[in-house]
Each structure stands twice: as structure tokens, then as C-alpha cells.
Amino acid sequence: MKLTRLVPVALAVALAAAGCSLDSGDTAPEGTVKVVVGYQSKTINTVTAGTLLRAQGYLEQRLRQLTDAGGAKYQVEWQDYDTGAPITAQMVAEKIDIGSMGDYPLLINGSRTQANERARTELVSITGYNPKGALNMVVVPNDSPARSLTDLAGQKISASVGSAGHGTLVQALSRAGIDPAKGVEVLNQQPQVGATALESHQVGALSQFVAWPGLLVQQNKAKLLYDGAELNVPTFHGVVARRAYAADHPEVLQAFLAAQLDATAFLNEKPFEAAGIVAEGSGLPQEVVYLYNGPGGTSFDTTLKPSLIAAFKDDVNYLKSIGDFAELDIDGFVQDGPLREAYTGRGDYDADLASGTNPSKVTGTDPVCGVPVTDPALAGEVWVDGADKPQPAANPACLLRAVRAAEAQGKTVRAVYLPDAELGTRWFADKAVWLRDGDRYLPFTTQAAADRYRTAHAGATPVTYRQAMTEVRG
């Protein structure tokens, strides 16, 4: 796996113009059409256009069908990056043809590429989204006294400027009454550098996109301070293509979108198997991948939903806050025609477009409580080591009972997942903040969320995860 160093957007563009890229010197044999795909193996909400797509070979299979039908030969080159900024840099330099990244980087991509007609891009599909914004989060060291975002005033915060994680931080600080430019010091760092800075207490917090917050929490290197879902603003990742390349090779873009639909269907139908493939391809723990790619996590839906595009338009103000960017016509940038064409014969695009339901959800019968799993707002999963797949839990109480039963039998529980009681964010149950309210046990992603609940419910009492597991009846 190749990783490139994160640099500020302007410098990244300059590097690309100078020809600095991964494998950019490779040329296709005469008579062969080459397509260069930029992706982020560790940004796991782009996996249907990146890690999973590559591992399954769906794009190569689709292009081979064209060749076998009498078309040209095709060569696919995959380039792996840490963030969206260097992918944009390479698209500006006309060295990447199709790329995937988060919503804020997509804004920068559209703005930066439009000055050159050959580099100009269009947003052609979505990979995954969260309707409330839970794909970006802020974490702090485990010993941090901070209970809410306002406690970070005056501190250093690590973020990748221009990333989705940085965009969420800017919005969240503004809502909390903190000037993002003056109230904190934002250090522009790539995720790995920021994670090290957090662990060594060089920064007071880290704001990043998936899968970094979940990874650091799962590794016991951080705790969650701010859930992006508090913004209640959709956040998403999507696919951009250079218009000139798509015009020259429309069949390649169609093959890519058809392959993305293949990968999306596979992930939604077999999320646990897909998580294993992505874990192997990204180097991330499968427990972390499945947190986001599992049922009830990210909504993997390719359609360009009006709610996402409306939020995208509102995010334009972010561009103005971080630099001098050209105005971007969102309506002209977003093009659903190619995806509609790729949908032909495989489903109803308009029906999927109108649906706000996560295509993947926890189903089945809870083996401990013996009841069907019906409510996505309560349903969780328990992953017992050695099992073929995680077992469903109908609600938090049933989940706690399932973990207790597994441990009593000497089994190792690898991961436990539950939706936050307030925001619905899928999270690690053993890393959640728990409250007991009467005979109910409620998990929250953050201390601030639990505090809000206690303000409205005076009888709610804090309990630990282990205490809740011991106390739960049944």
C-alpha cells in the first residue's frame, strides 16, 4: 500500500503541477485505454469506489466485458492517498481521471479544477452518507477533563485542513460560540501525525473523518468528545470524474459506475464479509471497519439525493473561510445523468433517490431474548470470536445480556455495536457513556449527549458498561 504525505491544498496543487504523483510515469501500451483511479483505502466510506471495488475486481471485470465485445483494451491504475487534497491535486494536473473523497474536499475539487477545461470535474455519484453528519468526529485523550466542545477553547486541535473532519470542526466550533480562526489553534496535520500528536498530548483534540475517530477509540488511545451528528447536517463521500476524460471515454465512466453499483450491492447484502475484505485491503482492524460499514452504520447509496446536495450548497461558505477559492456552481457540478444511465436494467433510480432508509440494517431474531429485531433505533450486534458473523440484539438490555452470557461461557467478545440513544450513531457499546433510567439502559456516544439526557430526565443515573451488564435483568 502506498501513502502520500498530506500537504496544504495550495501546495498539493503545486506539487501535482510539477509532476509529483504515484506511478504517474506508467503509460498504457498503444491501443490501450488507461484509467487512473484515486482513492483512500483508510477512508472507509469510499470503499465502494475504492478499497472494496479494487479488491473485488469489479471495474476490471466490467472493462473486460467491453473488450470481449469487440471494444478496446483497458488498463486500470489505482492510486492510494490519505486524504482528498492530493487526489484533487492530481486531477488538476490531469493525472487522475476518477476519484473519491468527502463532501468538503469535493467542494475544493470542483473549485480548483474548473479553471482548466481538461481538468474540470463533475460529481457523478455518492459512495456513502450519514443523514445527521456522524461520519466526522472530535476525539480527546482518555485523561482529558473536557466534557463538551466548549472545553477546547484556547487549545490546539489537530485536523487536516480542507478535509471533511476540518469542515465539521469549523461548523461545530461556530455553533458552540468559538471562533474557529481565533478561539482555537488548528494544526494542519495528516491523520497519522495528528493521532500521534494526540497520544503524546501535543494537541488537546483531533478532528477527523472516518475511520480515524473509531480507530483511536477502539485502540484505547482516545475518547469521543463530539459526535458530528450533533450538527444534524448530512455529510457524505462521493465520486468525481474529469469531464474531458468522461467525454473521450464515456464507456469507462459507465463501467466504473456499474462496478460501484456492484460493490454497493455486495456491501449491503454481505456487510460482514465486505468488512473483512476492506480490513485486509486497508490495514484497519475489521472491528473498526464493521463499525462504519456494518448494518446501521453508513448508508451506502449511490444516488445524488436532494438533501445531500442542499447541505453541499450550504457548505460553500466553508471554502471562503479557509482560502481564496473560485465560486462553484453546485448545480452544474452535480451531474446525475451518467449514474441514471448506469442504473438502466438494475433498479429504479428515482425510488432509491427518494428513499431515506439505510439499505443495510440489523435483522434476524435475537437469540438471547428470543424476539425478532424490528427497531433500528435500538438494535445492536454482538461479535463473539469464532462466530461466522455477529449475532443480532433487539435492544440494549438484550445486548448486555448477550455479552454477559458469552463471557460466562468463557467466550471472547471481539466487538459490540449499538446506536446512540439520542442521535442514532452506531458506536462501540463498551466505549459508550451509559445511563440507567428506571429499568432501561441507554448508551450515548459522548458525555455531552448523556449530560443532555440527564438534564431532561432527573432520574437517570450514570453507570459503567460493566455495571450495566451485571445489573440488567434476565
Protein backbone atom coordinates (compact mmCIF):
# COMPACT_ATOMS: atom_id res chain seq x y z
CA MET A 1 0.00 0.00 0.00
CA LYS A 2 1.32 3.42 -0.93
CA LEU A 3 0.57 6.50 1.12
CA THR A 4 1.33 10.07 0.16
CA ARG A 5 2.12 12.89 2.58
CA LEU A 6 -0.70 15.34 3.28
CA VAL A 7 0.17 18.91 2.35
CA PRO A 8 -1.91 22.09 2.37
CA VAL A 9 -4.24 22.29 -0.63
CA ALA A 10 -2.36 25.03 -2.46
CA LEU A 11 0.98 23.24 -2.09
CA ALA A 12 -0.57 19.94 -3.12
CA VAL A 13 -1.76 21.54 -6.34
CA ALA A 14 1.70 22.93 -6.97
CA LEU A 15 3.28 19.53 -6.43
CA ALA A 16 0.87 17.92 -8.84
CA ALA A 17 1.66 20.54 -11.46
CA ALA A 18 5.32 19.67 -11.05
CA GLY A 19 4.54 16.04 -11.76
CA CYS A 20 4.81 14.55 -8.26
CA SER A 21 2.49 11.54 -8.14
CA LEU A 22 2.28 7.84 -7.52
CA ASP A 23 3.12 5.66 -10.54
CA SER A 24 2.29 8.58 -12.83
CA GLY A 25 5.11 7.64 -15.17
CA ASP A 26 3.40 4.44 -16.32
CA THR A 27 1.93 4.65 -19.79
CA ALA A 28 -0.53 2.28 -21.38
CA PRO A 29 0.51 0.24 -24.42
CA GLU A 30 -0.53 1.60 -27.78
CA GLY A 31 -4.19 0.88 -28.44
CA THR A 32 -4.97 0.51 -24.73
CA VAL A 33 -7.19 2.99 -22.88
CA LYS A 34 -5.86 3.86 -19.44
CA VAL A 35 -7.96 4.99 -16.49
CA VAL A 36 -6.32 6.27 -13.31
CA VAL A 37 -8.44 5.98 -10.15
CA GLY A 38 -7.57 7.89 -6.99
CA TYR A 39 -8.95 6.53 -3.72
CA GLN A 40 -8.34 6.49 0.03
CA SER A 41 -8.00 3.00 1.44
CA LYS A 42 -8.41 4.17 5.04
CA THR A 43 -11.40 6.42 4.35
CA ILE A 44 -13.77 3.52 4.54
CA ASN A 45 -16.93 5.31 3.45
CA THR A 46 -15.42 5.47 -0.03
CA VAL A 47 -14.81 1.71 -0.19
CA THR A 48 -17.44 1.09 -2.88
CA ALA A 49 -15.38 3.34 -5.16
CA GLY A 50 -12.03 2.32 -3.72
CA THR A 51 -10.81 -0.46 -1.44
CA LEU A 52 -13.71 -2.90 -1.86
CA LEU A 53 -14.14 -2.07 -5.54
CA ARG A 54 -10.46 -2.71 -6.19
CA ALA A 55 -10.28 -5.89 -4.13
CA GLN A 56 -13.29 -7.44 -5.86
CA GLY A 57 -12.06 -6.52 -9.34
CA TYR A 58 -15.48 -5.24 -10.39
CA LEU A 59 -14.12 -2.41 -12.57
CA GLU A 60 -11.66 -4.66 -14.38
CA GLN A 61 -14.46 -7.19 -14.96
CA ARG A 62 -16.74 -4.53 -16.45
CA LEU A 63 -14.00 -3.23 -18.72
CA ARG A 64 -13.09 -6.75 -19.80
CA GLN A 65 -16.67 -7.24 -20.93
CA LEU A 66 -16.26 -4.24 -23.22
CA THR A 67 -13.05 -5.69 -24.63
CA ASP A 68 -14.61 -9.11 -25.15
CA ALA A 69 -17.47 -7.46 -27.02
CA GLY A 70 -15.02 -6.06 -29.54
CA GLY A 71 -14.03 -2.85 -27.79
CA ALA A 72 -10.64 -1.51 -26.85
CA LYS A 73 -8.31 -2.92 -24.25
CA TYR A 74 -8.22 -1.14 -20.90
CA GLN A 75 -5.66 -0.63 -18.16
CA VAL A 76 -6.65 0.41 -14.64
CA GLU A 77 -4.17 2.18 -12.37
CA TRP A 78 -5.09 2.58 -8.69
CA GLN A 79 -3.51 5.33 -6.59
CA ASP A 80 -3.98 5.30 -2.81
CA TYR A 81 -3.89 8.53 -0.76
CA ASP A 82 -4.52 9.58 2.83
CA THR A 83 -6.95 12.44 2.07
CA GLY A 84 -8.83 14.05 -0.80
CA ALA A 85 -6.45 17.02 -1.25
CA PRO A 86 -3.71 15.16 -3.18
CA ILE A 87 -6.32 13.45 -5.36
CA THR A 88 -7.60 16.89 -6.31
CA ALA A 89 -4.03 17.99 -6.99
CA GLN A 90 -3.57 15.09 -9.38
CA MET A 91 -6.87 15.81 -11.12
CA VAL A 92 -5.83 19.44 -11.60
CA ALA A 93 -2.67 18.06 -13.24
CA GLU A 94 -4.87 15.74 -15.41
CA LYS A 95 -3.17 12.69 -13.90
CA ILE A 96 -6.20 11.14 -12.16
CA ASP A 97 -9.39 10.53 -14.12
CA ILE A 98 -11.81 9.37 -11.40
CA GLY A 99 -11.51 10.00 -7.66
CA SER A 100 -13.47 9.70 -4.43
CA MET A 101 -13.44 11.90 -1.32
CA GLY A 102 -15.60 13.58 1.33
CA ASP A 103 -18.01 16.45 0.87
CA TYR A 104 -15.74 19.34 1.87
CA PRO A 105 -12.83 18.07 -0.28
CA LEU A 106 -15.33 17.66 -3.12
CA LEU A 107 -16.07 21.38 -2.88
CA ILE A 108 -12.38 22.15 -3.17
CA ASN A 109 -12.07 19.68 -6.03
CA GLY A 110 -14.82 21.36 -8.01
CA SER A 111 -13.43 24.82 -7.30
CA ARG A 112 -9.79 24.02 -8.09
CA THR A 113 -10.37 22.04 -11.28
CA GLN A 114 -12.78 24.36 -13.10
CA ALA A 115 -10.12 26.80 -14.36
CA ASN A 116 -8.83 24.17 -16.81
CA GLU A 117 -11.39 22.58 -19.10
CA ARG A 118 -9.33 19.37 -19.35
CA ALA A 119 -9.15 19.12 -15.54
CA ARG A 120 -12.72 20.24 -14.81
CA THR A 121 -14.62 17.65 -12.79
CA GLU A 122 -18.22 16.71 -12.04
CA LEU A 123 -19.77 14.90 -9.10
CA VAL A 124 -21.29 11.71 -10.53
CA SER A 125 -22.26 9.54 -7.54
CA ILE A 126 -22.31 9.14 -3.78
CA THR A 127 -20.44 6.35 -2.03
CA GLY A 128 -21.86 6.61 1.50
CA TYR A 129 -23.57 9.19 3.68
CA ASN A 130 -24.93 9.86 7.14
CA PRO A 131 -28.10 11.97 7.30
CA LYS A 132 -27.01 13.71 10.52
CA GLY A 133 -23.26 14.08 9.98
CA ALA A 134 -21.86 11.26 12.12
CA LEU A 135 -19.02 10.45 9.71
CA ASN A 136 -16.81 13.14 11.29
CA MET A 137 -15.92 13.34 14.99
CA VAL A 138 -13.67 15.01 17.55
CA VAL A 139 -11.69 12.87 20.00
CA VAL A 140 -9.56 13.81 23.01
CA PRO A 141 -7.01 11.94 25.15
CA ASN A 142 -8.52 9.50 27.62
CA ASP A 143 -7.39 11.63 30.55
CA SER A 144 -8.80 14.87 29.13
CA PRO A 145 -11.17 16.67 31.52
CA ALA A 146 -13.17 18.06 28.58
CA ARG A 147 -16.87 17.15 28.63
CA SER A 148 -18.01 19.20 25.62
CA LEU A 149 -16.63 21.13 22.66
CA THR A 150 -16.63 24.42 24.56
CA ASP A 151 -13.94 23.00 26.85
CA LEU A 152 -11.50 23.10 23.92
CA ALA A 153 -11.40 26.90 23.79
CA GLY A 154 -7.81 28.12 23.60
CA GLN A 155 -6.38 24.66 22.89
CA LYS A 156 -4.52 23.16 19.94
CA ILE A 157 -6.62 20.89 17.70
CA SER A 158 -5.23 18.63 15.00
CA ALA A 159 -7.16 18.46 11.71
CA SER A 160 -6.43 18.05 8.02
CA VAL A 161 -7.33 21.48 6.65
CA GLY A 162 -9.66 21.09 3.70
CA SER A 163 -10.92 17.68 4.86
CA ALA A 164 -14.42 16.68 5.92
CA GLY A 165 -13.19 16.42 9.50
CA HIS A 166 -11.96 20.00 9.40
CA GLY A 167 -15.22 21.21 7.85
CA THR A 168 -17.19 19.64 10.68
CA LEU A 169 -14.85 21.21 13.24
CA VAL A 170 -15.37 24.68 11.77
CA GLN A 171 -19.15 24.30 11.85
CA ALA A 172 -19.20 22.76 15.32
CA LEU A 173 -16.96 25.40 16.89
CA SER A 174 -19.03 28.18 15.33
CA ARG A 175 -22.24 26.71 16.78
CA ALA A 176 -20.56 26.41 20.17
CA GLY A 177 -19.71 30.10 20.12
CA ILE A 178 -15.99 29.61 19.48
CA ASP A 179 -14.30 31.46 16.61
CA PRO A 180 -12.64 28.67 14.54
CA ALA A 181 -9.90 31.09 13.47
CA LYS A 182 -9.11 32.68 16.84
CA GLY A 183 -10.71 30.63 19.59
CA VAL A 184 -8.50 27.57 18.99
CA GLU A 185 -5.25 26.81 17.20
CA VAL A 186 -5.82 24.34 14.36
CA LEU A 187 -2.72 22.38 13.37
CA ASN A 188 -2.87 21.18 9.75
CA GLN A 189 -1.75 17.55 10.07
CA GLN A 190 -2.36 14.33 8.22
CA PRO A 191 -4.41 11.85 10.26
CA GLN A 192 -1.49 9.65 11.32
CA VAL A 193 0.53 12.64 12.51
CA GLY A 194 -2.47 14.02 14.37
CA ALA A 195 -3.09 10.69 16.06
CA THR A 196 0.50 10.65 17.32
CA ALA A 197 0.20 14.27 18.46
CA LEU A 198 -2.97 13.43 20.39
CA GLU A 199 -1.43 10.40 22.05
CA SER A 200 1.60 12.43 23.16
CA HIS A 201 -0.61 15.32 24.37
CA GLN A 202 0.88 17.77 21.88
CA VAL A 203 -2.71 18.67 20.97
CA GLY A 204 -5.83 18.79 23.08
CA ALA A 205 -8.08 17.17 20.45
CA LEU A 206 -8.19 15.69 16.98
CA SER A 207 -10.98 16.27 14.46
CA GLN A 208 -11.05 13.75 11.64
CA PHE A 209 -13.17 11.77 9.23
CA VAL A 210 -13.83 8.04 9.33
CA ALA A 211 -12.27 5.75 10.29
CA TRP A 212 -9.81 7.67 12.49
CA PRO A 213 -12.05 8.54 15.48
CA GLY A 214 -13.35 4.97 15.75
CA LEU A 215 -9.87 3.53 15.31
CA LEU A 216 -8.32 5.63 18.09
CA VAL A 217 -11.19 4.89 20.46
CA GLN A 218 -11.09 1.17 19.66
CA GLN A 219 -7.34 1.17 20.36
CA ASN A 220 -7.97 2.85 23.75
CA LYS A 221 -5.93 5.85 22.64
CA ALA A 222 -8.76 8.38 22.84
CA LYS A 223 -12.35 9.00 23.86
CA LEU A 224 -15.08 10.63 21.83
CA LEU A 225 -15.83 14.26 22.73
CA TYR A 226 -18.03 15.42 19.84
CA ASP A 227 -20.25 13.37 17.54
CA GLY A 228 -20.68 15.10 14.18
CA ALA A 229 -24.33 14.00 14.26
CA GLU A 230 -24.93 16.85 16.73
CA LEU A 231 -24.82 19.19 13.75
CA ASN A 232 -27.78 17.32 12.22
CA VAL A 233 -26.40 18.17 8.77
CA PRO A 234 -25.87 15.41 6.20
CA THR A 235 -22.28 14.51 5.38
CA PHE A 236 -21.23 12.26 2.55
CA HIS A 237 -18.46 10.97 0.32
CA GLY A 238 -18.72 10.90 -3.44
CA VAL A 239 -17.11 10.25 -6.80
CA VAL A 240 -15.79 12.89 -9.19
CA ALA A 241 -14.73 12.37 -12.78
CA ARG A 242 -12.84 14.65 -15.15
CA ARG A 243 -15.36 15.81 -17.73
CA ALA A 244 -12.86 15.71 -20.57
CA TYR A 245 -11.94 12.12 -19.80
CA ALA A 246 -15.59 11.13 -19.49
CA ALA A 247 -16.33 12.78 -22.83
CA ASP A 248 -13.44 10.93 -24.50
CA HIS A 249 -14.25 7.60 -22.81
CA PRO A 250 -17.90 7.56 -21.69
CA GLU A 251 -17.85 3.77 -21.65
CA VAL A 252 -15.18 3.83 -18.94
CA LEU A 253 -17.24 6.06 -16.66
CA GLN A 254 -20.24 3.82 -17.25
CA ALA A 255 -18.14 0.77 -16.40
CA PHE A 256 -16.93 2.47 -13.21
CA LEU A 257 -20.42 3.43 -12.06
CA ALA A 258 -21.74 -0.06 -12.87
CA ALA A 259 -18.85 -1.51 -10.88
CA GLN A 260 -19.61 0.83 -7.99
CA LEU A 261 -23.20 -0.41 -8.02
CA ASP A 262 -21.82 -3.97 -7.91
CA ALA A 263 -19.67 -3.11 -4.88
CA THR A 264 -22.54 -1.28 -3.16
CA ALA A 265 -24.89 -4.23 -3.59
CA PHE A 266 -22.25 -6.62 -2.26
CA LEU A 267 -21.59 -4.47 0.82
CA ASN A 268 -25.27 -4.05 1.65
CA GLU A 269 -26.01 -7.75 1.15
CA LYS A 270 -22.88 -9.11 2.87
CA PRO A 271 -21.62 -6.35 5.20
CA PHE A 272 -19.56 -8.61 7.47
CA GLU A 273 -17.79 -10.31 4.58
CA ALA A 274 -17.22 -6.93 2.95
CA ALA A 275 -15.74 -5.57 6.18
CA GLY A 276 -13.21 -8.41 6.21
CA ILE A 277 -12.17 -7.61 2.64
CA VAL A 278 -11.85 -3.90 3.40
CA ALA A 279 -9.88 -4.61 6.58
CA GLU A 280 -7.39 -6.68 4.61
CA GLY A 281 -7.09 -4.04 1.89
CA SER A 282 -6.79 -1.05 4.23
CA GLY A 283 -4.84 -2.44 7.16
CA LEU A 284 -7.58 -1.32 9.54
CA PRO A 285 -8.98 -3.70 12.19
CA GLN A 286 -12.13 -5.42 10.99
CA GLU A 287 -13.87 -4.36 14.20
CA VAL A 288 -13.39 -0.71 13.19
CA VAL A 289 -14.36 -1.24 9.55
CA TYR A 290 -17.53 -3.04 10.59
CA LEU A 291 -18.43 -0.19 12.95
CA TYR A 292 -18.93 2.06 9.93
CA ASN A 293 -19.62 -0.41 7.11
CA GLY A 294 -21.89 -2.67 9.13
CA PRO A 295 -25.70 -2.52 9.30
CA GLY A 296 -27.00 0.69 10.83
CA GLY A 297 -23.73 2.49 10.11
CA THR A 298 -23.05 4.43 6.93
CA SER A 299 -25.84 4.46 4.34
CA PHE A 300 -24.22 3.11 1.18
CA ASP A 301 -26.46 4.52 -1.54
CA THR A 302 -25.08 5.92 -4.80
CA THR A 303 -27.93 8.31 -5.60
CA LEU A 304 -27.39 12.09 -5.53
CA LYS A 305 -30.10 12.91 -3.02
CA PRO A 306 -31.55 16.46 -2.85
CA SER A 307 -30.91 16.56 0.92
CA LEU A 308 -27.22 15.89 0.36
CA ILE A 309 -26.92 18.46 -2.42
CA ALA A 310 -28.75 21.06 -0.31
CA ALA A 311 -26.25 20.51 2.53
CA PHE A 312 -23.46 20.63 -0.04
CA LYS A 313 -24.59 24.09 -1.14
CA ASP A 314 -24.63 25.30 2.45
CA ASP A 315 -21.05 24.07 2.85
CA VAL A 316 -19.82 26.53 0.21
CA ASN A 317 -19.25 29.08 2.99
CA TYR A 318 -16.53 26.76 4.26
CA LEU A 319 -14.46 27.42 1.14
CA LYS A 320 -14.46 31.12 1.87
CA SER A 321 -13.33 30.52 5.44
CA ILE A 322 -10.12 28.64 4.53
CA GLY A 323 -8.82 30.47 1.47
CA ASP A 324 -9.36 32.15 -1.87
CA PHE A 325 -11.39 29.67 -3.89
CA ALA A 326 -13.27 30.27 -7.11
CA GLU A 327 -17.05 30.25 -6.88
CA LEU A 328 -18.51 26.83 -7.63
CA ASP A 329 -21.82 26.32 -9.40
CA ILE A 330 -23.09 23.31 -7.47
CA ASP A 331 -25.98 22.64 -9.87
CA GLY A 332 -23.53 22.50 -12.76
CA PHE A 333 -21.03 20.43 -10.78
CA VAL A 334 -23.54 17.74 -9.81
CA GLN A 335 -24.43 15.53 -12.77
CA ASP A 336 -26.72 12.53 -12.27
CA GLY A 337 -27.07 11.61 -15.95
CA PRO A 338 -24.24 9.04 -16.03
CA LEU A 339 -25.49 7.30 -12.87
CA ARG A 340 -29.05 7.19 -14.16
CA GLU A 341 -27.72 5.51 -17.28
CA ALA A 342 -25.72 3.01 -15.21
CA TYR A 343 -28.94 2.19 -13.31
CA THR A 344 -30.64 1.01 -16.51
CA GLY A 345 -31.83 -2.53 -16.04
CA ARG A 346 -30.72 -2.74 -12.40
CA GLY A 347 -33.28 -0.83 -10.40
CA ASP A 348 -35.42 2.26 -10.01
CA TYR A 349 -33.13 5.28 -9.61
CA ASP A 350 -35.93 7.67 -8.60
CA ALA A 351 -37.23 5.26 -5.95
CA ASP A 352 -33.77 4.91 -4.45
CA LEU A 353 -33.28 8.66 -4.73
CA ALA A 354 -36.42 9.30 -2.68
CA SER A 355 -35.59 6.71 -0.02
CA GLY A 356 -34.03 7.91 3.21
CA THR A 357 -33.78 4.44 4.71
CA ASN A 358 -30.38 2.89 5.30
CA PRO A 359 -30.18 -0.04 2.83
CA SER A 360 -28.40 -2.11 5.49
CA LYS A 361 -29.90 -2.73 8.90
CA VAL A 362 -29.69 -5.27 11.71
CA THR A 363 -32.18 -8.08 11.10
CA GLY A 364 -32.99 -11.56 12.34
CA THR A 365 -34.03 -12.99 15.69
CA ASP A 366 -32.30 -12.08 18.92
CA PRO A 367 -31.00 -15.45 20.20
CA VAL A 368 -30.86 -14.34 23.83
CA CYS A 369 -34.21 -12.55 24.21
CA GLY A 370 -35.87 -14.75 21.60
CA VAL A 371 -37.59 -11.87 19.82
CA PRO A 372 -37.34 -10.53 16.26
CA VAL A 373 -35.17 -7.47 15.72
CA THR A 374 -37.51 -4.77 14.44
CA ASP A 375 -36.38 -1.33 15.66
CA PRO A 376 -33.19 0.05 14.02
CA ALA A 377 -33.01 2.75 16.69
CA LEU A 378 -32.44 0.07 19.36
CA ALA A 379 -30.89 -2.86 17.51
CA GLY A 380 -27.26 -3.80 18.01
CA GLU A 381 -24.84 -6.62 17.34
CA VAL A 382 -22.51 -8.79 19.41
CA TRP A 383 -19.44 -10.21 17.68
CA VAL A 384 -18.23 -13.29 19.52
CA ASP A 385 -14.82 -14.54 18.47
CA GLY A 386 -15.07 -17.62 16.29
CA ALA A 387 -18.65 -16.97 15.17
CA ASP A 388 -19.47 -16.84 11.48
CA LYS A 389 -20.91 -13.37 11.92
CA PRO A 390 -22.16 -11.07 14.71
CA GLN A 391 -25.43 -12.01 16.37
CA PRO A 392 -28.31 -9.50 16.47
CA ALA A 393 -29.60 -7.89 19.65
CA ALA A 394 -33.09 -6.39 19.73
CA ASN A 395 -32.24 -3.63 22.21
CA PRO A 396 -29.55 -2.52 24.69
CA ALA A 397 -30.81 -4.77 27.50
CA CYS A 398 -30.75 -7.84 25.26
CA LEU A 399 -27.29 -6.89 24.06
CA LEU A 400 -25.95 -6.58 27.60
CA ARG A 401 -27.43 -9.97 28.44
CA ALA A 402 -25.83 -11.48 25.34
CA VAL A 403 -22.37 -10.21 26.28
CA ARG A 404 -22.81 -11.42 29.85
CA ALA A 405 -23.86 -14.87 28.63
CA ALA A 406 -20.95 -15.13 26.19
CA GLU A 407 -18.41 -14.17 28.83
CA ALA A 408 -19.95 -16.60 31.33
CA GLN A 409 -19.28 -19.36 28.78
CA GLY A 410 -15.64 -18.29 28.51
CA LYS A 411 -16.03 -16.81 25.05
CA THR A 412 -14.18 -13.72 23.83
CA VAL A 413 -16.33 -10.85 22.65
CA ARG A 414 -14.46 -9.04 19.86
CA ALA A 415 -16.80 -6.09 19.41
CA VAL A 416 -20.23 -4.87 20.48
CA TYR A 417 -22.23 -2.29 18.50
CA LEU A 418 -25.24 -0.18 19.46
CA PRO A 419 -26.88 3.03 18.20
CA ASP A 420 -26.59 6.13 20.40
CA ALA A 421 -29.85 6.68 22.31
CA GLU A 422 -30.07 10.35 21.29
CA LEU A 423 -28.52 10.69 17.82
CA GLY A 424 -28.66 7.14 16.49
CA THR A 425 -24.95 6.93 15.69
CA ARG A 426 -23.68 3.34 15.57
CA TRP A 427 -20.89 3.05 18.16
CA PHE A 428 -18.92 0.62 20.28
CA ALA A 429 -21.16 -0.33 23.21
CA ASP A 430 -18.19 -0.84 25.54
CA LYS A 431 -16.90 2.66 24.71
CA ALA A 432 -20.27 4.36 25.16
CA VAL A 433 -21.36 6.54 28.09
CA TRP A 434 -24.15 4.62 29.85
CA LEU A 435 -27.12 5.80 31.88
CA ARG A 436 -29.78 3.83 33.75
CA ASP A 437 -33.26 5.34 33.65
CA GLY A 438 -35.67 3.14 35.54
CA ASP A 439 -35.27 -0.34 34.09
CA ARG A 440 -33.79 0.96 30.82
CA TYR A 441 -30.09 1.15 29.97
CA LEU A 442 -29.15 3.88 27.50
CA PRO A 443 -25.85 4.19 25.58
CA PHE A 444 -24.52 7.55 24.35
CA THR A 445 -21.57 8.29 22.11
CA THR A 446 -20.41 11.25 24.21
CA GLN A 447 -20.54 12.61 27.73
CA ALA A 448 -22.25 15.74 26.39
CA ALA A 449 -25.10 13.63 24.99
CA ALA A 450 -25.53 11.83 28.30
CA ASP A 451 -25.50 15.17 30.12
CA ARG A 452 -28.25 16.48 27.86
CA TYR A 453 -30.38 13.43 28.61
CA ARG A 454 -29.86 13.79 32.38
CA THR A 455 -30.87 17.44 32.21
CA ALA A 456 -34.24 16.36 30.79
CA HIS A 457 -34.56 13.18 32.90
CA ALA A 458 -33.68 13.83 36.53
CA GLY A 459 -33.99 10.18 37.49
CA ALA A 460 -31.29 8.98 35.09
CA THR A 461 -28.15 7.67 36.79
CA PRO A 462 -24.65 7.12 35.35
CA VAL A 463 -23.48 3.51 35.20
CA THR A 464 -20.47 1.86 33.66
CA TYR A 465 -20.75 -0.64 30.84
CA ARG A 466 -19.70 -3.48 33.15
CA GLN A 467 -22.11 -2.34 35.85
CA ALA A 468 -24.99 -2.23 33.37
CA MET A 469 -24.10 -5.73 32.20
CA THR A 470 -24.18 -7.02 35.77
CA GLU A 471 -27.41 -5.28 36.72
CA VAL A 472 -29.55 -5.98 33.65
CA ARG A 473 -32.36 -8.40 34.35
CA GLY A 474 -33.00 -11.66 32.57
